[in-house]
N, C-alpha and C. Protein backbone atom coordinates (compact mmCIF):
# COMPACT_ATOMS: atom_id res chain seq x y z
N MET A 1 67.21 63.90 64.18
CA MET A 1 67.88 64.78 65.47
C MET A 1 69.12 64.30 64.93
N ASP A 2 70.24 65.67 65.24
CA ASP A 2 71.51 64.89 65.56
C ASP A 2 71.83 64.75 66.36
N LYS A 3 72.99 64.19 66.14
CA LYS A 3 73.41 63.15 67.08
C LYS A 3 75.00 63.02 67.59
N LYS A 4 75.55 64.19 66.77
CA LYS A 4 76.84 64.81 67.64
C LYS A 4 77.06 65.92 66.71
N VAL A 5 76.91 66.73 67.66
CA VAL A 5 77.87 68.42 67.75
C VAL A 5 79.16 68.97 67.69
N GLU A 6 80.11 69.40 66.93
CA GLU A 6 81.36 69.47 67.29
C GLU A 6 81.63 71.17 66.70
N MET A 7 82.67 71.69 67.76
CA MET A 7 82.63 72.58 67.18
C MET A 7 83.65 72.62 65.81
N LEU A 8 83.40 74.02 65.05
CA LEU A 8 84.11 74.60 64.17
C LEU A 8 85.39 74.68 64.26
N PRO A 9 86.25 74.04 63.74
CA PRO A 9 88.46 74.50 63.73
C PRO A 9 88.32 75.94 63.98
N MET A 10 89.45 76.31 64.69
CA MET A 10 89.39 78.04 64.89
C MET A 10 90.30 78.48 63.69
N LYS A 11 90.79 77.35 62.94
CA LYS A 11 90.98 78.01 61.76
C LYS A 11 90.48 78.59 60.55
N ASP A 12 89.01 77.73 60.70
CA ASP A 12 88.29 77.79 59.67
C ASP A 12 87.23 79.06 60.38
N LEU A 13 87.03 79.68 61.70
CA LEU A 13 86.25 80.51 62.20
C LEU A 13 86.23 81.66 61.15
N LEU A 14 86.57 82.13 60.59
CA LEU A 14 86.63 84.05 60.64
C LEU A 14 86.30 83.46 59.01
N SER A 15 87.25 82.68 58.38
CA SER A 15 86.53 82.70 56.66
C SER A 15 84.66 81.78 56.63
N VAL A 16 84.42 81.05 57.70
CA VAL A 16 83.19 81.02 57.43
C VAL A 16 82.24 81.67 58.18
N THR A 17 82.35 82.30 59.02
CA THR A 17 81.40 82.99 59.99
C THR A 17 81.86 84.62 59.44
N GLY A 18 82.59 84.79 59.51
CA GLY A 18 82.65 86.43 59.46
C GLY A 18 83.68 86.71 60.81
N TYR A 19 83.34 86.33 62.12
CA TYR A 19 83.98 86.55 62.96
C TYR A 19 85.31 86.48 63.52
N VAL A 20 85.81 86.52 64.33
CA VAL A 20 86.85 86.22 65.17
C VAL A 20 86.65 85.34 66.28
N ARG A 21 87.67 85.03 66.64
CA ARG A 21 87.49 84.10 68.04
C ARG A 21 87.06 84.95 69.10
N GLY A 22 86.33 84.81 69.80
CA GLY A 22 85.63 85.26 70.92
C GLY A 22 84.62 86.36 70.57
N GLY A 23 83.93 86.59 69.34
CA GLY A 23 83.19 87.44 68.85
C GLY A 23 82.03 86.49 68.22
N CYS A 24 81.85 85.37 68.38
CA CYS A 24 80.59 84.44 67.58
C CYS A 24 79.60 84.70 68.39
N SER A 25 78.84 84.98 67.79
CA SER A 25 76.95 84.99 68.51
C SER A 25 76.32 84.85 67.31
N PRO A 26 75.20 84.32 67.41
CA PRO A 26 73.97 83.88 67.15
C PRO A 26 73.04 84.67 66.49
N ILE A 27 73.28 86.04 67.15
CA ILE A 27 73.15 86.95 66.69
C ILE A 27 73.32 87.81 65.39
N GLY A 28 73.06 88.17 64.39
CA GLY A 28 73.41 89.22 63.20
C GLY A 28 74.94 87.96 62.66
N MET A 29 74.60 86.86 62.60
CA MET A 29 75.93 86.28 61.58
C MET A 29 75.83 86.33 60.30
N LYS A 30 76.33 86.36 59.66
CA LYS A 30 76.65 86.64 58.25
C LYS A 30 76.06 85.45 57.90
N LYS A 31 75.97 84.38 57.98
CA LYS A 31 75.89 82.92 57.33
C LYS A 31 74.98 82.23 58.43
N LYS A 32 73.64 82.08 57.94
CA LYS A 32 72.33 81.42 59.21
C LYS A 32 72.89 79.98 59.29
N PHE A 33 73.43 79.96 60.40
CA PHE A 33 73.98 78.42 60.97
C PHE A 33 72.60 77.83 61.86
N PRO A 34 72.41 76.63 62.21
CA PRO A 34 71.60 76.18 63.52
C PRO A 34 71.97 76.80 64.62
N THR A 35 70.91 77.35 65.60
CA THR A 35 71.50 77.76 66.76
C THR A 35 71.00 76.64 67.76
N TYR A 36 71.54 76.10 68.84
CA TYR A 36 70.91 75.13 69.68
C TYR A 36 71.27 75.62 71.40
N LEU A 37 70.30 75.75 72.07
CA LEU A 37 69.99 75.83 73.43
C LEU A 37 69.60 75.21 74.11
N ASP A 38 70.44 74.40 75.58
CA ASP A 38 69.90 73.84 76.67
C ASP A 38 68.95 74.12 76.66
N PRO A 39 67.91 73.42 77.68
CA PRO A 39 66.97 73.55 78.25
C PRO A 39 67.27 74.21 79.44
N SER A 40 68.34 74.22 79.96
CA SER A 40 68.86 74.86 81.63
C SER A 40 69.09 76.39 81.06
N ALA A 41 68.91 76.92 80.47
CA ALA A 41 69.25 78.29 79.86
C ALA A 41 67.78 78.87 80.18
N LEU A 42 66.68 78.19 79.77
CA LEU A 42 65.54 78.58 79.98
C LEU A 42 65.41 78.46 81.36
N GLU A 43 66.05 78.18 82.73
CA GLU A 43 65.50 78.47 84.03
C GLU A 43 66.10 79.88 84.36
N TYR A 44 66.77 80.44 83.34
CA TYR A 44 67.55 81.84 84.05
C TYR A 44 66.52 83.09 83.07
N GLU A 45 66.45 84.30 84.31
CA GLU A 45 65.76 85.37 83.25
C GLU A 45 66.43 86.24 82.50
N LYS A 46 67.44 85.93 82.66
CA LYS A 46 68.45 86.53 81.43
C LYS A 46 69.58 85.94 81.37
N ILE A 47 70.27 85.98 80.21
CA ILE A 47 71.13 85.33 79.98
C ILE A 47 72.51 86.21 79.07
N ALA A 48 73.75 86.10 79.13
CA ALA A 48 74.41 86.73 78.57
C ALA A 48 75.03 86.03 77.53
N ILE A 49 75.08 86.76 76.29
CA ILE A 49 75.85 86.23 74.72
C ILE A 49 76.68 87.19 73.89
N SER A 50 77.74 86.66 73.32
CA SER A 50 77.99 87.80 72.17
C SER A 50 77.74 88.38 72.10
N ALA A 51 77.99 89.73 71.67
CA ALA A 51 77.21 90.76 70.30
C ALA A 51 78.02 91.05 68.97
N GLY A 52 78.78 89.99 69.00
CA GLY A 52 79.73 90.15 67.84
C GLY A 52 80.92 90.50 67.65
N MET A 53 81.56 91.16 68.97
CA MET A 53 82.76 91.62 69.08
C MET A 53 83.54 91.35 70.36
N ARG A 54 84.62 90.87 69.98
CA ARG A 54 85.24 90.23 71.45
C ARG A 54 85.27 91.16 72.59
N GLY A 55 84.52 90.64 73.44
CA GLY A 55 84.59 91.53 74.98
C GLY A 55 83.65 92.14 74.85
N ILE A 56 82.34 92.18 74.21
CA ILE A 56 81.01 93.00 74.01
C ILE A 56 79.83 91.91 74.43
N GLN A 57 78.79 92.08 75.30
CA GLN A 57 78.21 90.81 75.68
C GLN A 57 76.63 91.79 75.29
N VAL A 58 75.25 90.81 75.41
CA VAL A 58 74.41 91.92 74.92
C VAL A 58 73.66 90.08 76.05
N ILE A 59 72.75 90.67 76.99
CA ILE A 59 72.10 90.58 78.26
C ILE A 59 70.49 90.68 77.61
N LEU A 60 69.57 89.13 77.31
CA LEU A 60 68.66 89.38 77.00
C LEU A 60 68.27 88.02 77.84
N SER A 61 66.44 87.98 77.66
CA SER A 61 65.88 86.42 77.80
C SER A 61 66.30 85.11 77.39
N PRO A 62 66.10 84.21 77.56
CA PRO A 62 66.51 83.28 76.84
C PRO A 62 64.99 83.00 75.80
N GLU A 63 64.23 83.74 76.39
CA GLU A 63 62.99 83.31 74.96
C GLU A 63 63.49 83.92 74.13
N ASP A 64 63.98 85.35 74.52
CA ASP A 64 63.87 86.52 73.13
C ASP A 64 65.03 85.90 72.27
N LEU A 65 66.08 85.37 72.83
CA LEU A 65 66.81 84.56 72.22
C LEU A 65 66.54 83.77 71.22
N VAL A 66 65.81 82.69 71.80
CA VAL A 66 65.16 81.37 70.86
C VAL A 66 64.24 81.82 69.77
N GLU A 67 63.12 83.01 69.95
CA GLU A 67 62.76 83.69 69.40
C GLU A 67 63.38 84.33 68.49
N TYR A 68 64.41 85.01 68.41
CA TYR A 68 65.15 85.80 67.79
C TYR A 68 65.62 85.29 66.42
N VAL A 69 66.67 84.10 67.03
CA VAL A 69 67.34 83.44 65.98
C VAL A 69 66.51 81.87 65.41
N GLY A 70 65.29 81.62 66.06
CA GLY A 70 65.22 80.40 65.92
C GLY A 70 65.72 79.30 66.32
N ALA A 71 66.03 79.08 67.36
CA ALA A 71 66.99 78.24 67.88
C ALA A 71 66.03 76.97 68.49
N LYS A 72 66.87 75.90 68.66
CA LYS A 72 66.16 74.86 68.87
C LYS A 72 66.18 74.42 70.55
N ILE A 73 65.87 74.08 71.24
CA ILE A 73 65.89 73.46 72.50
C ILE A 73 66.16 72.13 72.24
N THR A 74 67.43 71.63 72.99
CA THR A 74 67.90 70.21 72.98
C THR A 74 68.63 69.78 74.13
N ASP A 75 68.69 69.03 74.76
CA ASP A 75 69.97 68.73 75.95
C ASP A 75 71.12 68.91 74.96
N LEU A 76 72.15 69.39 75.59
CA LEU A 76 73.54 69.48 74.97
C LEU A 76 74.51 69.06 75.98
N ARG A 77 73.92 67.94 76.94
CA ARG A 77 74.85 67.74 78.08
C ARG A 77 75.18 66.92 78.13
């Protein structure tokens, strides 16, 4: 179990992920990173996440997101 999670430093974002700030998304990552989702997200019928470009969103069920990216459900609070 991971005991600590922290954000990637912004200066490293483009070189590590291939995304610009505001366009990071677990869908279509150039390199597969673990995706974690708080259980509270499952309380919603639909959620919005980045589509990989700043200002563009994808709306989908949290269950579809978990299945598509292999997200782990864990308490993030």
